């Protein structure tokens, strides 16, 4: 575990068995995804055709969390979360060049944000206050104060960029 500029970076966050189980669930043909805009506000992408992603909501319960409850609940538990405010899985499509999604915060609540990278790709998370970039590395978890403005990005070298976003106390 490393800590840079109040960002905690934990590589190999999940055990190999737990990570492989998540991977199997996500690749199942019946895993439910819904279309969503990447961000609803702000001037962040000049071409609206790139403002799309697939999302699976866990909290607040919008998706089929009950189907995967035992597997996914272990992640906020491992973080030490007493309360999960929001948890969703984002699937971003690749683009011809890296596109940042726009700086934002996930919640106004006094809480933590954790981002779990499901696959390695050349996408990243960037922080507005210092320009720091954290690369998307499979089985990496980053945690930071929810008041920090950050942006995700697309990738160009894989079929998708999969990240689990958790806001918690």
N, C-alpha and C. Protein backbone atom coordinates (compact mmCIF):
# COMPACT_ATOMS: atom_id res chain seq x y z
N UNK A 1 0.85 -1.17 0.00
CA UNK A 1 0.00 0.00 0.00
C UNK A 1 0.90 1.23 0.00
N UNK A 2 0.57 2.17 -0.88
CA UNK A 2 1.29 3.44 -0.92
C UNK A 2 0.31 4.58 -0.76
N UNK A 3 0.82 5.73 -0.33
CA UNK A 3 -0.02 6.90 -0.16
C UNK A 3 0.69 8.09 -0.79
N UNK A 4 0.06 8.70 -1.77
CA UNK A 4 0.59 9.87 -2.45
C UNK A 4 -0.44 10.98 -2.38
N UNK A 5 -0.06 12.15 -1.90
CA UNK A 5 -0.97 13.31 -1.92
C UNK A 5 -2.37 12.95 -1.44
N UNK A 6 -2.45 12.23 -0.33
CA UNK A 6 -3.72 11.82 0.26
C UNK A 6 -4.52 10.87 -0.61
N UNK A 7 -3.85 10.16 -1.51
CA UNK A 7 -4.46 9.09 -2.29
C UNK A 7 -3.83 7.79 -1.83
N UNK A 8 -4.64 6.89 -1.34
CA UNK A 8 -4.13 5.58 -0.92
C UNK A 8 -4.25 4.65 -2.13
N UNK A 9 -3.14 4.04 -2.51
CA UNK A 9 -3.11 3.11 -3.65
C UNK A 9 -2.78 1.73 -3.12
N UNK A 10 -3.68 0.78 -3.37
CA UNK A 10 -3.49 -0.59 -2.91
C UNK A 10 -3.49 -1.53 -4.12
N UNK A 11 -2.32 -2.03 -4.48
CA UNK A 11 -2.24 -3.01 -5.56
C UNK A 11 -2.57 -4.38 -5.01
N UNK A 12 -3.06 -5.27 -5.87
CA UNK A 12 -3.47 -6.61 -5.46
C UNK A 12 -4.45 -6.55 -4.29
N UNK A 13 -5.44 -5.68 -4.42
CA UNK A 13 -6.40 -5.42 -3.34
C UNK A 13 -7.17 -6.67 -2.96
N UNK A 14 -7.66 -7.40 -3.95
CA UNK A 14 -8.43 -8.62 -3.68
C UNK A 14 -7.54 -9.84 -3.83
N UNK A 15 -7.91 -10.91 -3.15
CA UNK A 15 -7.20 -12.18 -3.35
C UNK A 15 -7.41 -12.62 -4.79
N UNK A 16 -6.54 -13.47 -5.27
CA UNK A 16 -6.65 -13.96 -6.64
C UNK A 16 -7.98 -14.66 -6.86
N UNK A 17 -8.41 -15.48 -5.89
CA UNK A 17 -9.68 -16.20 -6.02
C UNK A 17 -10.87 -15.24 -6.09
N UNK A 18 -10.88 -14.22 -5.23
CA UNK A 18 -11.98 -13.25 -5.23
C UNK A 18 -11.99 -12.46 -6.53
N UNK A 19 -10.83 -12.03 -6.98
CA UNK A 19 -10.77 -11.28 -8.22
C UNK A 19 -11.25 -12.13 -9.40
N UNK A 20 -10.82 -13.38 -9.48
CA UNK A 20 -11.24 -14.25 -10.58
C UNK A 20 -12.75 -14.49 -10.56
N UNK A 21 -13.34 -14.59 -9.37
CA UNK A 21 -14.79 -14.75 -9.27
C UNK A 21 -15.51 -13.51 -9.80
N UNK A 22 -15.03 -12.31 -9.45
CA UNK A 22 -15.61 -11.08 -9.99
C UNK A 22 -15.52 -11.07 -11.51
N UNK A 23 -14.38 -11.44 -12.02
CA UNK A 23 -14.15 -11.45 -13.46
C UNK A 23 -15.13 -12.38 -14.16
N UNK A 24 -15.35 -13.55 -13.58
CA UNK A 24 -16.30 -14.51 -14.16
C UNK A 24 -17.70 -13.93 -14.16
N UNK A 25 -18.12 -13.31 -13.04
CA UNK A 25 -19.45 -12.73 -12.96
C UNK A 25 -19.63 -11.64 -14.01
N UNK A 26 -18.65 -10.77 -14.16
CA UNK A 26 -18.76 -9.66 -15.09
C UNK A 26 -18.79 -10.10 -16.54
N UNK A 27 -18.21 -11.24 -16.83
CA UNK A 27 -18.19 -11.73 -18.21
C UNK A 27 -19.37 -12.64 -18.53
N UNK A 28 -20.22 -12.92 -17.53
CA UNK A 28 -21.39 -13.73 -17.78
C UNK A 28 -22.31 -13.03 -18.78
N UNK A 29 -22.96 -13.79 -19.60
CA UNK A 29 -23.83 -13.22 -20.62
C UNK A 29 -25.05 -12.54 -20.01
N UNK A 30 -25.45 -12.89 -18.78
CA UNK A 30 -26.66 -12.29 -18.21
C UNK A 30 -26.38 -11.20 -17.17
N UNK A 31 -25.13 -10.74 -17.08
CA UNK A 31 -24.84 -9.63 -16.18
C UNK A 31 -25.52 -8.39 -16.75
N UNK A 32 -26.30 -7.70 -15.93
CA UNK A 32 -27.14 -6.60 -16.39
C UNK A 32 -26.36 -5.29 -16.48
N UNK A 33 -26.37 -4.67 -17.66
CA UNK A 33 -25.78 -3.36 -17.89
C UNK A 33 -26.86 -2.43 -18.41
N UNK A 34 -26.76 -1.14 -18.08
CA UNK A 34 -27.67 -0.15 -18.65
C UNK A 34 -26.86 0.99 -19.25
N UNK A 35 -27.44 1.62 -20.26
CA UNK A 35 -26.80 2.77 -20.89
C UNK A 35 -26.88 3.96 -19.95
N UNK A 36 -25.84 4.80 -20.00
CA UNK A 36 -25.82 5.98 -19.16
C UNK A 36 -24.87 7.00 -19.79
N UNK A 37 -25.12 8.27 -19.52
CA UNK A 37 -24.14 9.30 -19.88
C UNK A 37 -22.95 9.18 -18.93
N UNK A 38 -21.78 9.58 -19.38
CA UNK A 38 -20.62 9.55 -18.50
C UNK A 38 -20.79 10.58 -17.39
N UNK A 39 -21.12 11.82 -17.76
CA UNK A 39 -21.42 12.88 -16.81
C UNK A 39 -22.65 13.63 -17.29
N UNK A 40 -23.43 14.10 -16.36
CA UNK A 40 -24.65 14.81 -16.72
C UNK A 40 -24.48 16.31 -16.78
N UNK A 41 -23.39 16.83 -16.27
CA UNK A 41 -23.23 18.28 -16.23
C UNK A 41 -21.81 18.66 -16.62
N UNK A 42 -21.65 19.89 -17.04
CA UNK A 42 -20.31 20.38 -17.37
C UNK A 42 -19.99 20.23 -18.84
N UNK A 43 -19.06 21.00 -19.28
CA UNK A 43 -18.60 20.99 -20.66
C UNK A 43 -17.32 20.17 -20.71
N UNK A 44 -17.43 18.88 -20.98
CA UNK A 44 -16.27 18.02 -20.83
C UNK A 44 -15.92 17.24 -22.07
N UNK A 45 -16.86 16.97 -22.93
CA UNK A 45 -16.58 16.22 -24.15
C UNK A 45 -17.21 16.97 -25.31
N UNK A 46 -16.40 17.38 -26.27
CA UNK A 46 -16.92 18.21 -27.35
C UNK A 46 -17.84 17.43 -28.29
N UNK A 47 -17.65 16.14 -28.41
CA UNK A 47 -18.48 15.32 -29.31
C UNK A 47 -19.40 14.44 -28.46
N UNK A 48 -20.68 14.73 -28.48
CA UNK A 48 -21.66 14.04 -27.64
C UNK A 48 -21.69 12.52 -27.89
N UNK A 49 -21.25 12.07 -29.06
CA UNK A 49 -21.29 10.62 -29.33
C UNK A 49 -20.37 9.84 -28.39
N UNK A 50 -19.41 10.52 -27.74
CA UNK A 50 -18.52 9.85 -26.80
C UNK A 50 -19.02 9.91 -25.36
N UNK A 51 -20.13 10.59 -25.12
CA UNK A 51 -20.67 10.72 -23.77
C UNK A 51 -21.59 9.54 -23.48
N UNK A 52 -21.01 8.33 -23.48
CA UNK A 52 -21.79 7.14 -23.20
C UNK A 52 -20.93 6.09 -22.53
N UNK A 53 -21.59 5.32 -21.68
CA UNK A 53 -20.95 4.21 -21.01
C UNK A 53 -22.03 3.22 -20.59
N UNK A 54 -21.61 2.03 -20.22
CA UNK A 54 -22.51 1.07 -19.61
C UNK A 54 -22.29 1.12 -18.11
N UNK A 55 -23.37 0.97 -17.34
CA UNK A 55 -23.29 1.06 -15.89
C UNK A 55 -24.09 -0.07 -15.27
N UNK A 56 -23.57 -0.61 -14.18
CA UNK A 56 -24.32 -1.53 -13.34
C UNK A 56 -24.35 -0.92 -11.95
N UNK A 57 -25.54 -0.52 -11.49
CA UNK A 57 -25.70 0.11 -10.17
C UNK A 57 -25.86 -0.96 -9.09
N UNK A 58 -25.15 -0.78 -7.97
CA UNK A 58 -25.33 -1.64 -6.81
C UNK A 58 -26.03 -0.90 -5.67
N UNK A 59 -25.56 0.27 -5.32
CA UNK A 59 -26.17 1.15 -4.31
C UNK A 59 -26.28 2.53 -4.92
N UNK A 60 -27.32 3.29 -4.79
CA UNK A 60 -28.60 2.78 -4.33
C UNK A 60 -29.08 1.68 -5.26
N UNK A 61 -29.85 0.77 -4.73
CA UNK A 61 -30.20 -0.45 -5.47
C UNK A 61 -30.99 -0.11 -6.73
N UNK A 62 -30.31 -0.18 -7.85
CA UNK A 62 -30.95 0.02 -9.15
C UNK A 62 -30.75 -1.20 -10.03
N UNK A 63 -29.72 -1.96 -9.74
CA UNK A 63 -29.41 -3.13 -10.55
C UNK A 63 -29.79 -4.40 -9.83
N UNK A 64 -29.11 -5.46 -10.14
CA UNK A 64 -29.43 -6.77 -9.57
C UNK A 64 -28.41 -7.14 -8.50
N UNK A 65 -28.20 -6.23 -7.56
CA UNK A 65 -27.18 -6.45 -6.53
C UNK A 65 -27.41 -7.75 -5.77
N UNK A 66 -28.67 -8.09 -5.53
CA UNK A 66 -28.95 -9.30 -4.75
C UNK A 66 -28.33 -10.53 -5.39
N UNK A 67 -28.21 -10.55 -6.71
CA UNK A 67 -27.65 -11.70 -7.40
C UNK A 67 -26.16 -11.88 -7.12
N UNK A 68 -25.48 -10.81 -6.79
CA UNK A 68 -24.04 -10.85 -6.60
C UNK A 68 -23.63 -10.32 -5.23
N UNK A 69 -24.60 -10.26 -4.32
CA UNK A 69 -24.42 -9.60 -3.03
C UNK A 69 -23.19 -10.09 -2.28
N UNK A 70 -23.06 -11.36 -2.08
CA UNK A 70 -21.97 -11.90 -1.26
C UNK A 70 -20.60 -11.57 -1.83
N UNK A 71 -20.47 -11.60 -3.13
CA UNK A 71 -19.18 -11.34 -3.77
C UNK A 71 -18.81 -9.86 -3.70
N UNK A 72 -19.76 -9.00 -4.06
CA UNK A 72 -19.46 -7.57 -4.13
C UNK A 72 -19.46 -6.90 -2.75
N UNK A 73 -20.22 -7.41 -1.79
CA UNK A 73 -20.24 -6.81 -0.46
C UNK A 73 -18.88 -6.91 0.21
N UNK A 74 -18.10 -7.87 -0.14
CA UNK A 74 -16.77 -8.04 0.45
C UNK A 74 -15.85 -6.85 0.15
N UNK A 75 -16.09 -6.14 -0.95
CA UNK A 75 -15.21 -5.04 -1.32
C UNK A 75 -15.36 -3.86 -0.36
N UNK A 76 -16.55 -3.29 -0.14
CA UNK A 76 -16.64 -2.22 0.86
C UNK A 76 -16.30 -2.72 2.27
N UNK A 77 -16.60 -3.98 2.57
CA UNK A 77 -16.21 -4.53 3.87
C UNK A 77 -14.69 -4.49 4.04
N UNK A 78 -13.98 -4.87 2.99
CA UNK A 78 -12.51 -4.89 3.05
C UNK A 78 -11.95 -3.47 3.19
N UNK A 79 -12.67 -2.47 2.67
CA UNK A 79 -12.25 -1.08 2.82
C UNK A 79 -12.49 -0.57 4.24
N UNK A 80 -13.35 -1.25 4.99
CA UNK A 80 -13.71 -0.79 6.33
C UNK A 80 -14.93 0.10 6.33
N UNK A 81 -15.74 0.04 5.28
CA UNK A 81 -16.93 0.90 5.16
C UNK A 81 -17.97 0.51 6.20
N UNK A 82 -18.48 1.51 6.88
CA UNK A 82 -19.62 1.32 7.80
C UNK A 82 -20.93 1.54 7.05
N UNK A 83 -20.87 2.39 6.01
CA UNK A 83 -22.06 2.71 5.21
C UNK A 83 -21.62 2.92 3.77
N UNK A 84 -22.33 2.33 2.83
CA UNK A 84 -22.10 2.55 1.42
C UNK A 84 -23.13 3.55 0.92
N UNK A 85 -22.65 4.66 0.37
CA UNK A 85 -23.54 5.70 -0.15
C UNK A 85 -23.93 5.38 -1.58
N UNK A 86 -22.95 4.96 -2.36
CA UNK A 86 -23.18 4.67 -3.77
C UNK A 86 -22.11 3.69 -4.23
N UNK A 87 -22.51 2.74 -5.06
CA UNK A 87 -21.54 1.81 -5.64
C UNK A 87 -22.04 1.44 -7.02
N UNK A 88 -21.17 1.67 -8.02
CA UNK A 88 -21.55 1.34 -9.40
C UNK A 88 -20.33 0.91 -10.17
N UNK A 89 -20.59 0.10 -11.17
CA UNK A 89 -19.55 -0.40 -12.06
C UNK A 89 -19.71 0.31 -13.39
N UNK A 90 -18.64 0.92 -13.90
CA UNK A 90 -18.64 1.62 -15.18
C UNK A 90 -17.87 0.82 -16.22
N UNK A 91 -18.42 0.74 -17.40
CA UNK A 91 -17.75 0.13 -18.55
C UNK A 91 -17.64 1.21 -19.62
N UNK A 92 -16.43 1.72 -19.81
CA UNK A 92 -16.19 2.76 -20.81
C UNK A 92 -15.62 2.12 -22.07
N UNK A 93 -16.13 2.57 -23.20
CA UNK A 93 -15.66 2.07 -24.49
C UNK A 93 -14.33 2.71 -24.86
N UNK A 94 -13.54 2.05 -25.68
CA UNK A 94 -12.29 2.66 -26.15
C UNK A 94 -12.58 3.77 -27.15
N UNK A 95 -11.64 4.67 -27.27
CA UNK A 95 -11.71 5.76 -28.24
C UNK A 95 -10.40 5.78 -29.02
N UNK A 96 -10.37 6.50 -30.12
CA UNK A 96 -9.16 6.56 -30.95
C UNK A 96 -8.02 7.28 -30.24
N UNK A 97 -8.37 8.25 -29.38
CA UNK A 97 -7.38 8.92 -28.55
C UNK A 97 -7.95 9.03 -27.15
N UNK A 98 -7.10 9.11 -26.15
CA UNK A 98 -7.55 9.21 -24.76
C UNK A 98 -8.42 10.46 -24.60
N UNK A 99 -9.60 10.27 -24.00
CA UNK A 99 -10.50 11.38 -23.72
C UNK A 99 -10.79 11.41 -22.23
N UNK A 100 -10.55 12.55 -21.59
CA UNK A 100 -10.89 12.70 -20.19
C UNK A 100 -12.37 13.02 -20.08
N UNK A 101 -13.00 12.54 -19.03
CA UNK A 101 -14.45 12.65 -18.88
C UNK A 101 -14.91 13.92 -18.19
N UNK A 102 -14.04 14.65 -17.57
CA UNK A 102 -14.42 15.89 -16.90
C UNK A 102 -14.28 15.80 -15.40
N UNK A 103 -13.75 16.84 -14.78
CA UNK A 103 -13.55 16.85 -13.34
C UNK A 103 -14.88 16.97 -12.62
N UNK A 104 -15.02 16.21 -11.54
CA UNK A 104 -16.26 16.17 -10.79
C UNK A 104 -16.00 15.58 -9.41
N UNK A 105 -16.99 15.67 -8.54
CA UNK A 105 -17.01 14.89 -7.30
C UNK A 105 -18.22 13.98 -7.40
N UNK A 106 -18.17 12.84 -6.73
CA UNK A 106 -19.25 11.86 -6.83
C UNK A 106 -20.40 12.15 -5.87
N UNK A 107 -20.09 12.77 -4.73
CA UNK A 107 -21.11 13.03 -3.73
C UNK A 107 -20.71 14.24 -2.90
N UNK A 108 -21.70 14.95 -2.40
CA UNK A 108 -21.46 16.10 -1.53
C UNK A 108 -21.25 15.66 -0.08
N UNK A 109 -21.55 14.41 0.23
CA UNK A 109 -21.44 13.93 1.61
C UNK A 109 -19.97 13.85 2.03
N UNK A 110 -19.74 14.05 3.32
CA UNK A 110 -18.40 13.90 3.89
C UNK A 110 -18.08 12.41 3.92
N UNK A 111 -17.30 11.97 2.96
CA UNK A 111 -17.09 10.53 2.78
C UNK A 111 -15.79 10.27 2.02
N UNK A 112 -15.58 9.02 1.69
CA UNK A 112 -14.45 8.57 0.90
C UNK A 112 -14.94 8.08 -0.45
N UNK A 113 -14.08 8.21 -1.45
CA UNK A 113 -14.32 7.61 -2.76
C UNK A 113 -13.23 6.58 -2.99
N UNK A 114 -13.63 5.40 -3.42
CA UNK A 114 -12.68 4.36 -3.81
C UNK A 114 -12.98 3.94 -5.23
N UNK A 115 -11.93 3.75 -6.00
CA UNK A 115 -12.06 3.30 -7.38
C UNK A 115 -11.25 2.02 -7.52
N UNK A 116 -11.93 0.96 -7.97
CA UNK A 116 -11.29 -0.34 -8.15
C UNK A 116 -11.19 -0.61 -9.65
N UNK A 117 -9.99 -0.88 -10.12
CA UNK A 117 -9.75 -1.11 -11.54
C UNK A 117 -9.83 -2.60 -11.83
N UNK A 118 -10.79 -2.97 -12.68
CA UNK A 118 -11.00 -4.37 -13.03
C UNK A 118 -10.06 -4.85 -14.12
N UNK A 119 -9.52 -3.93 -14.93
CA UNK A 119 -8.61 -4.37 -15.99
C UNK A 119 -7.49 -3.34 -16.18
N UNK A 120 -6.39 -3.81 -16.71
CA UNK A 120 -5.25 -2.95 -17.01
C UNK A 120 -5.44 -2.39 -18.42
N UNK A 121 -5.26 -1.08 -18.54
CA UNK A 121 -5.37 -0.41 -19.83
C UNK A 121 -4.66 0.94 -19.72
N UNK A 122 -4.61 1.68 -20.79
CA UNK A 122 -3.90 2.97 -20.75
C UNK A 122 -4.80 4.13 -20.31
N UNK A 123 -5.99 3.82 -19.79
CA UNK A 123 -6.84 4.84 -19.18
C UNK A 123 -6.33 5.17 -17.79
N UNK A 124 -6.96 6.16 -17.14
CA UNK A 124 -6.45 6.60 -15.84
C UNK A 124 -7.50 7.43 -15.11
N UNK A 125 -7.17 7.74 -13.86
CA UNK A 125 -7.91 8.71 -13.05
C UNK A 125 -6.98 9.87 -12.82
N UNK A 126 -7.47 11.10 -13.06
CA UNK A 126 -6.65 12.30 -12.91
C UNK A 126 -7.29 13.21 -11.86
N UNK A 127 -6.44 13.86 -11.05
CA UNK A 127 -6.92 14.76 -10.00
C UNK A 127 -6.68 16.20 -10.41
N UNK A 128 -7.71 17.02 -10.22
CA UNK A 128 -7.67 18.41 -10.67
C UNK A 128 -6.68 19.25 -9.86
N UNK A 129 -6.61 19.04 -8.54
CA UNK A 129 -5.84 19.93 -7.69
C UNK A 129 -4.33 19.88 -7.95
N UNK A 130 -3.81 18.73 -8.35
CA UNK A 130 -2.36 18.63 -8.55
C UNK A 130 -1.97 17.95 -9.86
N UNK A 131 -2.96 17.57 -10.67
CA UNK A 131 -2.69 16.94 -11.95
C UNK A 131 -2.20 15.50 -11.86
N UNK A 132 -2.18 14.94 -10.65
CA UNK A 132 -1.70 13.57 -10.47
C UNK A 132 -2.56 12.59 -11.25
N UNK A 133 -1.91 11.61 -11.85
CA UNK A 133 -2.58 10.57 -12.63
C UNK A 133 -2.30 9.22 -11.99
N UNK A 134 -3.38 8.44 -11.80
CA UNK A 134 -3.25 7.06 -11.33
C UNK A 134 -3.68 6.17 -12.48
N UNK A 135 -2.78 5.30 -12.91
CA UNK A 135 -3.04 4.42 -14.04
C UNK A 135 -4.00 3.30 -13.68
N UNK A 136 -4.75 2.87 -14.68
CA UNK A 136 -5.67 1.73 -14.53
C UNK A 136 -4.86 0.44 -14.56
N UNK A 137 -4.76 -0.18 -13.39
CA UNK A 137 -4.03 -1.44 -13.25
C UNK A 137 -4.97 -2.45 -12.61
N UNK A 138 -5.10 -3.60 -13.24
CA UNK A 138 -5.99 -4.64 -12.74
C UNK A 138 -5.77 -4.92 -11.26
N UNK A 139 -6.86 -5.00 -10.50
CA UNK A 139 -6.87 -5.33 -9.07
C UNK A 139 -6.22 -4.23 -8.21
N UNK A 140 -6.25 -3.00 -8.68
CA UNK A 140 -5.76 -1.85 -7.92
C UNK A 140 -6.96 -1.09 -7.35
N UNK A 141 -6.85 -0.70 -6.10
CA UNK A 141 -7.86 0.13 -5.45
C UNK A 141 -7.21 1.45 -5.06
N UNK A 142 -7.87 2.56 -5.38
CA UNK A 142 -7.41 3.85 -4.88
C UNK A 142 -8.53 4.44 -4.03
N UNK A 143 -8.14 5.15 -2.97
CA UNK A 143 -9.10 5.75 -2.05
C UNK A 143 -8.66 7.17 -1.75
N UNK A 144 -9.64 8.09 -1.74
CA UNK A 144 -9.35 9.50 -1.49
C UNK A 144 -10.59 10.17 -0.94
N UNK A 145 -10.43 11.36 -0.42
CA UNK A 145 -11.55 12.12 0.12
C UNK A 145 -12.52 12.47 -1.01
N UNK A 146 -13.81 12.29 -0.78
CA UNK A 146 -14.82 12.51 -1.82
C UNK A 146 -14.91 13.96 -2.29
N UNK A 147 -14.32 14.88 -1.55
CA UNK A 147 -14.36 16.29 -1.97
C UNK A 147 -13.33 16.61 -3.05
N UNK A 148 -12.44 15.67 -3.37
CA UNK A 148 -11.41 15.90 -4.40
C UNK A 148 -12.00 15.70 -5.79
N UNK A 149 -11.84 16.73 -6.61
CA UNK A 149 -12.32 16.65 -7.99
C UNK A 149 -11.37 15.76 -8.80
N UNK A 150 -11.96 14.87 -9.55
CA UNK A 150 -11.19 13.90 -10.33
C UNK A 150 -11.91 13.64 -11.64
N UNK A 151 -11.18 13.05 -12.56
CA UNK A 151 -11.75 12.70 -13.86
C UNK A 151 -11.25 11.32 -14.27
N UNK A 152 -12.14 10.53 -14.82
CA UNK A 152 -11.74 9.30 -15.46
C UNK A 152 -11.38 9.60 -16.90
N UNK A 153 -11.00 8.56 -17.61
CA UNK A 153 -10.69 8.73 -19.03
C UNK A 153 -11.11 7.47 -19.78
N UNK A 154 -11.07 7.59 -21.08
CA UNK A 154 -11.25 6.41 -21.93
C UNK A 154 -9.90 5.70 -22.02
N UNK A 155 -9.86 4.62 -22.75
CA UNK A 155 -8.60 3.95 -23.07
C UNK A 155 -8.56 3.74 -24.58
N UNK A 156 -7.39 3.43 -25.09
CA UNK A 156 -7.26 3.18 -26.53
C UNK A 156 -6.74 1.78 -26.82
N UNK A 157 -6.29 1.07 -25.80
CA UNK A 157 -5.57 -0.18 -26.04
C UNK A 157 -6.32 -1.46 -25.64
N UNK A 158 -7.54 -1.33 -25.11
CA UNK A 158 -8.33 -2.50 -24.73
C UNK A 158 -9.76 -2.32 -25.23
N UNK A 159 -10.57 -3.37 -25.11
CA UNK A 159 -11.96 -3.32 -25.57
C UNK A 159 -12.83 -2.44 -24.68
N UNK A 160 -12.41 -2.27 -23.41
CA UNK A 160 -13.15 -1.42 -22.49
C UNK A 160 -12.26 -1.08 -21.29
N UNK A 161 -12.75 -0.15 -20.50
CA UNK A 161 -12.13 0.22 -19.23
C UNK A 161 -13.19 -0.02 -18.16
N UNK A 162 -12.95 -0.98 -17.27
CA UNK A 162 -13.91 -1.35 -16.24
C UNK A 162 -13.43 -0.85 -14.88
N UNK A 163 -14.25 -0.01 -14.23
CA UNK A 163 -13.92 0.49 -12.89
C UNK A 163 -15.14 0.39 -11.99
N UNK A 164 -14.91 -0.03 -10.76
CA UNK A 164 -15.94 -0.06 -9.73
C UNK A 164 -15.75 1.18 -8.88
N UNK A 165 -16.79 1.99 -8.77
CA UNK A 165 -16.73 3.25 -8.03
C UNK A 165 -17.56 3.10 -6.76
N UNK A 166 -16.94 3.37 -5.59
CA UNK A 166 -17.63 3.21 -4.31
C UNK A 166 -17.48 4.51 -3.52
N UNK A 167 -18.60 5.05 -3.05
CA UNK A 167 -18.60 6.19 -2.13
C UNK A 167 -19.08 5.66 -0.80
N UNK A 168 -18.30 5.91 0.25
CA UNK A 168 -18.58 5.26 1.52
C UNK A 168 -18.11 6.07 2.72
N UNK A 169 -18.64 5.69 3.88
CA UNK A 169 -18.22 6.29 5.16
C UNK A 169 -17.67 5.20 6.05
